Amino acid sequence: MVEIINPQIEKYIRGLAPDRPEYMLEMERYAEENYVSIIPPEVAQLLTTLIHLSQAKEILEIGTAIAYSTIWLAWAVEPRDGHITTIEINEQRAETAATNIRQAGLEDKITLLKGHAVDIVPYLKKNYDFIFIDAAKGQYGWFFEELYPRLKHGGLLVSDNVLAEGKVVVPEENLRHRQKTAVRRLRDYLRMVTSHPGLETTIIPLGDGLAVSLKKTIDK
């Protein structure tokens, strides 16, 4: 597929990521050995910077996996005594995530909800300063419709893997049949968030691509 970033540049940037505790390095090794998709450290650092810039406190994450990104998010809101709500559909990964959260000593900063986000999101009561979507790419449009009203004005919506390993620029006839629908939906999603009147959106070609959307404030 199409390279999103030059591998040498990617390796160099990753080498500049801040030191992580040994248990985070172990999570990185576990993810690689068990084919678990987690954000790379350079993406985690970008999320950290965005959270600090936006002064976010209440964060929602769709797609916990093993809680690697969740822990980064919790670290970022710690200076403001913030809180993370995160949702994971896979029961085994949710159990691993819970163990990793305990190991990091962040049980009081993170609420882990186990189940399908499609079933859970409609019942969420809070509004959020920052929403991170890293789940089934074909459902990003549905997530947006449900979550946009729950994103505070001036809040950030960050969607991961929006370039789909470069598949978004590959002609449809060159994609495998099962890829076509997911890629089509991602393209629709990107068109929606970049043209939405309530958002300012930037696509960042880091990791597997991020869409960073700022919800505009309303003049009183």
C-alpha atoms as a PDB file:
ATOM      1  CA  MET A   1       0.000   0.000   0.000  1.00  0.00           C
ATOM      2  CA  VAL A   2       0.978   3.676  -0.031  1.00  0.00           C
ATOM      3  CA  GLU A   3       3.498   4.760   2.610  1.00  0.00           C
ATOM      4  CA  ILE A   4       2.004   7.524   4.754  1.00  0.00           C
ATOM      5  CA  ILE A   5       5.367   8.675   6.095  1.00  0.00           C
ATOM      6  CA  ASN A   6       8.923   7.841   5.073  1.00  0.00           C
ATOM      7  CA  PRO A   7       9.983   4.867   7.266  1.00  0.00           C
ATOM      8  CA  GLN A   8      13.319   6.496   8.108  1.00  0.00           C
ATOM      9  CA  ILE A   9      11.594   9.686   9.218  1.00  0.00           C
ATOM     10  CA  GLU A  10       9.076   7.646  11.218  1.00  0.00           C
ATOM     11  CA  LYS A  11      11.872   5.738  12.957  1.00  0.00           C
ATOM     12  CA  TYR A  12      13.683   8.987  13.733  1.00  0.00           C
ATOM     13  CA  ILE A  13      10.571  10.668  15.179  1.00  0.00           C
ATOM     14  CA  ARG A  14       9.760   7.576  17.237  1.00  0.00           C
ATOM     15  CA  GLY A  15      13.266   7.631  18.645  1.00  0.00           C
ATOM     16  CA  LEU A  16      12.585  11.116  20.010  1.00  0.00           C
ATOM     17  CA  ALA A  17       9.557   9.981  22.031  1.00  0.00           C
ATOM     18  CA  PRO A  18       9.935  10.489  25.782  1.00  0.00           C
ATOM     19  CA  ASP A  19      11.079   7.650  27.999  1.00  0.00           C
ATOM     20  CA  ARG A  20       8.289   5.328  29.122  1.00  0.00           C
ATOM     21  CA  PRO A  21       8.060   3.158  32.245  1.00  0.00           C
ATOM     22  CA  GLU A  22       9.080  -0.449  31.788  1.00  0.00           C
ATOM     23  CA  TYR A  23       5.456  -1.624  31.991  1.00  0.00           C
ATOM     24  CA  MET A  24       4.600   0.585  28.985  1.00  0.00           C
ATOM     25  CA  LEU A  25       7.509  -0.873  27.020  1.00  0.00           C
ATOM     26  CA  GLU A  26       6.212  -4.314  27.942  1.00  0.00           C
ATOM     27  CA  MET A  27       2.768  -3.330  26.613  1.00  0.00           C
ATOM     28  CA  GLU A  28       4.407  -2.241  23.346  1.00  0.00           C
ATOM     29  CA  ARG A  29       6.149  -5.615  23.075  1.00  0.00           C
ATOM     30  CA  TYR A  30       2.946  -7.480  23.941  1.00  0.00           C
ATOM     31  CA  ALA A  31       0.997  -5.572  21.282  1.00  0.00           C
ATOM     32  CA  GLU A  32       3.598  -6.362  18.615  1.00  0.00           C
ATOM     33  CA  GLU A  33       3.825 -10.047  19.523  1.00  0.00           C
ATOM     34  CA  ASN A  34       0.047 -10.515  19.737  1.00  0.00           C
ATOM     35  CA  TYR A  35      -0.962  -8.352  16.752  1.00  0.00           C
ATOM     36  CA  VAL A  36      -2.830  -5.849  18.912  1.00  0.00           C
ATOM     37  CA  SER A  37      -3.177  -2.450  17.271  1.00  0.00           C
ATOM     38  CA  ILE A  38      -2.027   0.366  19.560  1.00  0.00           C
ATOM     39  CA  ILE A  39      -1.021   3.932  18.816  1.00  0.00           C
ATOM     40  CA  PRO A  40       2.722   4.490  18.338  1.00  0.00           C
ATOM     41  CA  PRO A  41       4.523   6.666  20.908  1.00  0.00           C
ATOM     42  CA  GLU A  42       4.738   9.655  18.553  1.00  0.00           C
ATOM     43  CA  VAL A  43       0.937   9.662  18.164  1.00  0.00           C
ATOM     44  CA  ALA A  44       0.575   9.330  21.938  1.00  0.00           C
ATOM     45  CA  GLN A  45       2.808  12.380  22.334  1.00  0.00           C
ATOM     46  CA  LEU A  46       0.659  14.340  19.873  1.00  0.00           C
ATOM     47  CA  LEU A  47      -2.482  13.444  21.845  1.00  0.00           C
ATOM     48  CA  THR A  48      -0.726  14.562  25.022  1.00  0.00           C
ATOM     49  CA  THR A  49       0.157  17.909  23.457  1.00  0.00           C
ATOM     50  CA  LEU A  50      -3.393  18.436  22.162  1.00  0.00           C
ATOM     51  CA  ILE A  51      -4.846  17.660  25.592  1.00  0.00           C
ATOM     52  CA  HIS A  52      -2.523  20.119  27.297  1.00  0.00           C
ATOM     53  CA  LEU A  53      -3.235  22.823  24.700  1.00  0.00           C
ATOM     54  CA  SER A  54      -6.996  22.363  25.020  1.00  0.00           C
ATOM     55  CA  GLN A  55      -6.867  22.021  28.824  1.00  0.00           C
ATOM     56  CA  ALA A  56      -9.155  18.999  28.531  1.00  0.00           C
ATOM     57  CA  LYS A  57     -10.380  17.278  31.691  1.00  0.00           C
ATOM     58  CA  GLU A  58     -13.206  14.955  30.647  1.00  0.00           C
ATOM     59  CA  ILE A  59     -12.099  12.509  27.945  1.00  0.00           C
ATOM     60  CA  LEU A  60     -13.942   9.735  26.139  1.00  0.00           C
ATOM     61  CA  GLU A  61     -12.064   6.999  24.294  1.00  0.00           C
ATOM     62  CA  ILE A  62     -13.759   4.578  21.904  1.00  0.00           C
ATOM     63  CA  GLY A  63     -11.533   1.511  21.622  1.00  0.00           C
ATOM     64  CA  THR A  64      -9.420   0.734  24.688  1.00  0.00           C
ATOM     65  CA  ALA A  65      -7.571  -2.316  23.336  1.00  0.00           C
ATOM     66  CA  ILE A  66      -5.014  -3.074  26.104  1.00  0.00           C
ATOM     67  CA  ALA A  67      -5.214   0.480  27.563  1.00  0.00           C
ATOM     68  CA  TYR A  68      -1.916   1.719  26.114  1.00  0.00           C
ATOM     69  CA  SER A  69      -3.448   4.911  24.715  1.00  0.00           C
ATOM     70  CA  THR A  70      -5.767   5.120  27.725  1.00  0.00           C
ATOM     71  CA  ILE A  71      -2.828   5.415  30.090  1.00  0.00           C
ATOM     72  CA  TRP A  72      -1.251   8.152  27.974  1.00  0.00           C
ATOM     73  CA  LEU A  73      -4.565  10.047  28.057  1.00  0.00           C
ATOM     74  CA  ALA A  74      -4.771   9.667  31.833  1.00  0.00           C
ATOM     75  CA  TRP A  75      -1.266  11.016  32.264  1.00  0.00           C
ATOM     76  CA  ALA A  76      -2.152  14.026  30.132  1.00  0.00           C
ATOM     77  CA  VAL A  77      -5.196  15.046  32.227  1.00  0.00           C
ATOM     78  CA  GLU A  78      -3.521  14.354  35.571  1.00  0.00           C
ATOM     79  CA  PRO A  79      -2.423  17.991  36.143  1.00  0.00           C
ATOM     80  CA  ARG A  80      -6.095  19.055  35.898  1.00  0.00           C
ATOM     81  CA  ASP A  81      -7.430  16.115  37.920  1.00  0.00           C
ATOM     82  CA  GLY A  82      -9.218  14.885  34.799  1.00  0.00           C
ATOM     83  CA  HIS A  83     -10.931  11.591  34.057  1.00  0.00           C
ATOM     84  CA  ILE A  84     -10.998   9.071  31.207  1.00  0.00           C
ATOM     85  CA  THR A  85     -14.030   7.013  30.182  1.00  0.00           C
ATOM     86  CA  THR A  86     -13.005   4.262  27.766  1.00  0.00           C
ATOM     87  CA  ILE A  87     -14.979   1.532  25.980  1.00  0.00           C
ATOM     88  CA  GLU A  88     -13.722  -1.862  24.782  1.00  0.00           C
ATOM     89  CA  ILE A  89     -15.788  -4.481  22.958  1.00  0.00           C
ATOM     90  CA  ASN A  90     -13.332  -7.411  23.208  1.00  0.00           C
ATOM     91  CA  GLU A  91     -13.738  -9.109  26.601  1.00  0.00           C
ATOM     92  CA  GLN A  92     -10.238 -10.587  26.726  1.00  0.00           C
ATOM     93  CA  ARG A  93      -8.601  -7.287  25.783  1.00  0.00           C
ATOM     94  CA  ALA A  94     -10.778  -5.467  28.305  1.00  0.00           C
ATOM     95  CA  GLU A  95      -9.487  -7.794  31.037  1.00  0.00           C
ATOM     96  CA  THR A  96      -5.910  -7.151  29.929  1.00  0.00           C
ATOM     97  CA  ALA A  97      -6.646  -3.425  29.881  1.00  0.00           C
ATOM     98  CA  ALA A  98      -7.998  -3.549  33.431  1.00  0.00           C
ATOM     99  CA  THR A  99      -4.820  -5.295  34.592  1.00  0.00           C
ATOM    100  CA  ASN A 100      -2.632  -2.697  32.854  1.00  0.00           C
ATOM    101  CA  ILE A 101      -4.631   0.176  34.344  1.00  0.00           C
ATOM    102  CA  ARG A 102      -4.169  -1.292  37.833  1.00  0.00           C
ATOM    103  CA  GLN A 103      -0.452  -1.745  37.213  1.00  0.00           C
ATOM    104  CA  ALA A 104      -0.219   1.933  36.254  1.00  0.00           C
ATOM    105  CA  GLY A 105      -2.055   2.902  39.441  1.00  0.00           C
ATOM    106  CA  LEU A 106      -4.764   4.741  37.503  1.00  0.00           C
ATOM    107  CA  GLU A 107      -7.947   2.929  38.561  1.00  0.00           C
ATOM    108  CA  ASP A 108      -9.354   6.126  40.077  1.00  0.00           C
ATOM    109  CA  LYS A 109      -8.666   8.125  36.893  1.00  0.00           C
ATOM    110  CA  ILE A 110     -10.112   5.679  34.352  1.00  0.00           C
ATOM    111  CA  THR A 111     -13.576   4.164  33.975  1.00  0.00           C
ATOM    112  CA  LEU A 112     -13.417   1.097  31.727  1.00  0.00           C
ATOM    113  CA  LEU A 113     -16.746   0.117  30.169  1.00  0.00           C
ATOM    114  CA  LYS A 114     -16.890  -3.365  28.638  1.00  0.00           C
ATOM    115  CA  GLY A 115     -19.185  -3.901  25.675  1.00  0.00           C
ATOM    116  CA  HIS A 116     -20.095  -2.665  22.228  1.00  0.00           C
ATOM    117  CA  ALA A 117     -19.723   1.107  21.953  1.00  0.00           C
ATOM    118  CA  VAL A 118     -22.832   1.171  19.733  1.00  0.00           C
ATOM    119  CA  ASP A 119     -24.809  -0.077  22.725  1.00  0.00           C
ATOM    120  CA  ILE A 120     -23.041   2.065  25.344  1.00  0.00           C
ATOM    121  CA  VAL A 121     -22.593   5.484  23.725  1.00  0.00           C
ATOM    122  CA  PRO A 122     -26.328   6.378  23.519  1.00  0.00           C
ATOM    123  CA  TYR A 123     -26.568   6.056  27.311  1.00  0.00           C
ATOM    124  CA  LEU A 124     -23.553   8.198  28.223  1.00  0.00           C
ATOM    125  CA  LYS A 125     -24.612  11.142  30.376  1.00  0.00           C
ATOM    126  CA  LYS A 126     -21.541  13.384  30.270  1.00  0.00           C
ATOM    127  CA  ASN A 127     -20.297  15.915  27.753  1.00  0.00           C
ATOM    128  CA  TYR A 128     -16.613  15.722  26.903  1.00  0.00           C
ATOM    129  CA  ASP A 129     -13.706  18.080  26.289  1.00  0.00           C
ATOM    130  CA  PHE A 130     -11.828  15.536  24.181  1.00  0.00           C
ATOM    131  CA  ILE A 131     -13.017  12.428  22.317  1.00  0.00           C
ATOM    132  CA  PHE A 132     -10.607   9.888  20.844  1.00  0.00           C
ATOM    133  CA  ILE A 133     -12.057   7.382  18.355  1.00  0.00           C
ATOM    134  CA  ASP A 134      -9.913   4.324  17.629  1.00  0.00           C
ATOM    135  CA  ALA A 135     -12.450   1.626  16.834  1.00  0.00           C
ATOM    136  CA  ALA A 136     -14.088  -0.016  13.813  1.00  0.00           C
ATOM    137  CA  LYS A 137     -13.354   2.344  10.927  1.00  0.00           C
ATOM    138  CA  GLY A 138     -16.568   1.532   9.093  1.00  0.00           C
ATOM    139  CA  GLN A 139     -18.543   2.901  12.060  1.00  0.00           C
ATOM    140  CA  TYR A 140     -16.833   6.285  12.343  1.00  0.00           C
ATOM    141  CA  GLY A 141     -19.785   8.021  10.719  1.00  0.00           C
ATOM    142  CA  TRP A 142     -22.196   6.531  13.251  1.00  0.00           C
ATOM    143  CA  PHE A 143     -19.895   7.444  16.138  1.00  0.00           C
ATOM    144  CA  PHE A 144     -19.707  11.020  14.893  1.00  0.00           C
ATOM    145  CA  GLU A 145     -23.478  11.435  14.734  1.00  0.00           C
ATOM    146  CA  GLU A 146     -23.812  10.140  18.303  1.00  0.00           C
ATOM    147  CA  LEU A 147     -20.802  11.911  19.787  1.00  0.00           C
ATOM    148  CA  TYR A 148     -20.896  15.344  18.157  1.00  0.00           C
ATOM    149  CA  PRO A 149     -23.685  16.537  20.524  1.00  0.00           C
ATOM    150  CA  ARG A 150     -21.622  15.235  23.487  1.00  0.00           C
ATOM    151  CA  LEU A 151     -18.493  17.174  22.476  1.00  0.00           C
ATOM    152  CA  LYS A 152     -18.264  20.495  24.265  1.00  0.00           C
ATOM    153  CA  HIS A 153     -17.863  23.674  22.224  1.00  0.00           C
ATOM    154  CA  GLY A 154     -14.145  24.277  21.930  1.00  0.00           C
ATOM    155  CA  GLY A 155     -13.545  20.547  22.433  1.00  0.00           C
ATOM    156  CA  LEU A 156     -11.477  18.237  20.236  1.00  0.00           C
ATOM    157  CA  LEU A 157     -12.518  15.097  18.375  1.00  0.00           C
ATOM    158  CA  VAL A 158      -9.524  13.012  17.281  1.00  0.00           C
ATOM    159  CA  SER A 159     -10.113  10.063  14.940  1.00  0.00           C
ATOM    160  CA  ASP A 160      -7.308   7.543  14.434  1.00  0.00           C
ATOM    161  CA  ASN A 161      -6.348   5.388  11.426  1.00  0.00           C
ATOM    162  CA  VAL A 162      -8.220   7.623   8.985  1.00  0.00           C
ATOM    163  CA  LEU A 163      -5.752   6.999   6.148  1.00  0.00           C
ATOM    164  CA  ALA A 164      -6.173   3.204   6.416  1.00  0.00           C
ATOM    165  CA  GLU A 165      -2.525   2.384   5.640  1.00  0.00           C
ATOM    166  CA  GLY A 166      -2.793   4.580   2.570  1.00  0.00           C
ATOM    167  CA  LYS A 167      -5.810   2.744   1.155  1.00  0.00           C
ATOM    168  CA  VAL A 168      -7.859   5.957   1.030  1.00  0.00           C
ATOM    169  CA  VAL A 169      -5.864   7.050  -2.031  1.00  0.00           C
ATOM    170  CA  VAL A 170      -5.844   3.655  -3.768  1.00  0.00           C
ATOM    171  CA  PRO A 171      -8.285   3.326  -6.703  1.00  0.00           C
ATOM    172  CA  GLU A 172     -11.255   1.223  -5.669  1.00  0.00           C
ATOM    173  CA  GLU A 173     -10.642  -1.366  -8.389  1.00  0.00           C
ATOM    174  CA  ASN A 174      -7.249  -2.112  -6.775  1.00  0.00           C
ATOM    175  CA  LEU A 175      -8.743  -2.839  -3.340  1.00  0.00           C
ATOM    176  CA  ARG A 176      -9.836  -6.269  -2.179  1.00  0.00           C
ATOM    177  CA  HIS A 177     -13.600  -6.709  -2.067  1.00  0.00           C
ATOM    178  CA  ARG A 178     -13.838  -6.678   1.746  1.00  0.00           C
ATOM    179  CA  GLN A 179     -11.782  -3.467   1.913  1.00  0.00           C
ATOM    180  CA  LYS A 180     -13.942  -1.425  -0.407  1.00  0.00           C
ATOM    181  CA  THR A 181     -16.853  -0.689   1.939  1.00  0.00           C
ATOM    182  CA  ALA A 182     -14.609   0.277   4.879  1.00  0.00           C
ATOM    183  CA  VAL A 183     -12.466   2.561   2.721  1.00  0.00           C
ATOM    184  CA  ARG A 184     -15.539   4.132   1.115  1.00  0.00           C
ATOM    185  CA  ARG A 185     -16.969   4.875   4.555  1.00  0.00           C
ATOM    186  CA  LEU A 186     -13.682   6.374   5.738  1.00  0.00           C
ATOM    187  CA  ARG A 187     -13.575   8.656   2.709  1.00  0.00           C
ATOM    188  CA  ASP A 188     -17.156   9.713   3.433  1.00  0.00           C
ATOM    189  CA  TYR A 189     -16.204  10.357   7.047  1.00  0.00           C
ATOM    190  CA  LEU A 190     -13.232  12.520   6.080  1.00  0.00           C
ATOM    191  CA  ARG A 191     -15.344  14.530   3.665  1.00  0.00           C
ATOM    192  CA  MET A 192     -17.923  15.022   6.416  1.00  0.00           C
ATOM    193  CA  VAL A 193     -15.564  16.219   9.151  1.00  0.00           C
ATOM    194  CA  THR A 194     -13.580  18.471   6.809  1.00  0.00           C
ATOM    195  CA  SER A 195     -16.716  20.163   5.462  1.00  0.00           C
ATOM    196  CA  HIS A 196     -18.865  20.192   8.608  1.00  0.00           C
ATOM    197  CA  PRO A 197     -19.884  23.790   9.468  1.00  0.00           C
ATOM    198  CA  GLY A 198     -19.403  23.180  13.182  1.00  0.00           C
ATOM    199  CA  LEU A 199     -15.841  21.905  12.904  1.00  0.00           C
ATOM    200  CA  GLU A 200     -12.345  22.985  11.977  1.00  0.00           C
ATOM    201  CA  THR A 201     -10.559  19.807  10.887  1.00  0.00           C
ATOM    202  CA  THR A 202      -6.970  18.998   9.995  1.00  0.00           C
ATOM    203  CA  ILE A 203      -5.738  15.650   8.660  1.00  0.00           C
ATOM    204  CA  ILE A 204      -2.317  14.769  10.066  1.00  0.00           C
ATOM    205  CA  PRO A 205      -0.262  12.067   8.280  1.00  0.00           C
ATOM    206  CA  LEU A 206       1.283  10.656  11.453  1.00  0.00           C
ATOM    207  CA  GLY A 207       1.001   6.996  12.400  1.00  0.00           C
ATOM    208  CA  ASP A 208      -1.914   5.719  10.320  1.00  0.00           C
ATOM    209  CA  GLY A 209      -3.386   9.198   9.943  1.00  0.00           C
ATOM    210  CA  LEU A 210      -5.350  11.330  12.389  1.00  0.00           C
ATOM    211  CA  ALA A 211      -8.279  13.665  11.847  1.00  0.00           C
ATOM    212  CA  VAL A 212      -8.163  16.423  14.473  1.00  0.00           C
ATOM    213  CA  SER A 213     -11.489  18.288  14.637  1.00  0.00           C
ATOM    214  CA  LEU A 214     -12.116  21.350  16.787  1.00  0.00           C
ATOM    215  CA  LYS A 215     -15.775  22.019  17.625  1.00  0.00           C
ATOM    216  CA  LYS A 216     -16.351  25.707  17.044  1.00  0.00           C
ATOM    217  CA  THR A 217     -17.551  27.888  19.858  1.00  0.00           C
ATOM    218  CA  ILE A 218     -20.884  29.680  19.527  1.00  0.00           C
ATOM    219  CA  ASP A 219     -21.043  33.449  19.880  1.00  0.00           C
ATOM    220  CA  LYS A 220     -23.442  34.538  22.561  1.00  0.00           C
END
